[in-house]
Every structure is written in C-alpha cells, then in structure tokens.
Amino acid sequence: MPWNDPRIFQLLSLFLLGCGLMGLISRRTFLGMLISFELILNGAGLNLMTVDRFFHQDLPRGEAFTLFIMGVAASETAVVLAIMILLFRRYKTIEEEKLRGLKG
C-alpha cells in the first residue's frame, strides 16, 4: 500500500466522516452522539492534514487548523460531559428521547 498517495487518507477521512454522520443520526444517547461528533471532527482534521501534507507543503496551515479543531473538540467534550453528569443526577437518564419533553 503506497503511503505517498493522498487518496488513501482522503478515503479514510471520508469513512470517518460517514461513520460519524451515521452515528449522529442513529444514536439515542448523548454519549453516542458525542462519540459520533468526535469521529466527524477527526475526519475533518485528517482531511486538513492530508491536503496540507500533499498539496501545500510550504505553509503549515493544515497543522494549525487541526490543532485548533483538537482544542475545540476537547473543550466541547468537557462541557458536554459536565452537562451529561448534571442531567443524569437530576433526571436519572441521558437518553435524548426521554429528555426531549422537558421544559424550563
């Protein structure tokens, strides 16, 4: 398998993006949605790194954007996990369907 071909990495990033979108649509719990969203962000980061590595080698823009995406993903994960802990403590569930009817 030639590792100098960008199509391999772009197909892998497309696969990660597709798995993330499928999981985001089909998951019922917030934890499953969070994992699926992380797959989407990882696919986007891999695509940015691939484009930067194979097409724009002189400027490290892809690495900078990927580091930014990783930082945003880490902070988003911390906030969502904190919200999930609070929801579970208060309502004893983290299923999105059961929490949908809550008002206030």
Foldseek 3Di string as FASTA:
>chain_A
DDPLDLVVLLVVLVVLLVQLVVQCVPDFFPVSNLVSVVSNLVSVLSNLVSCCVNPPVPDPPSVVVNVVSVVVSVVVVVVSVVVQVVCCVVPVDRGNVVCVPDDD
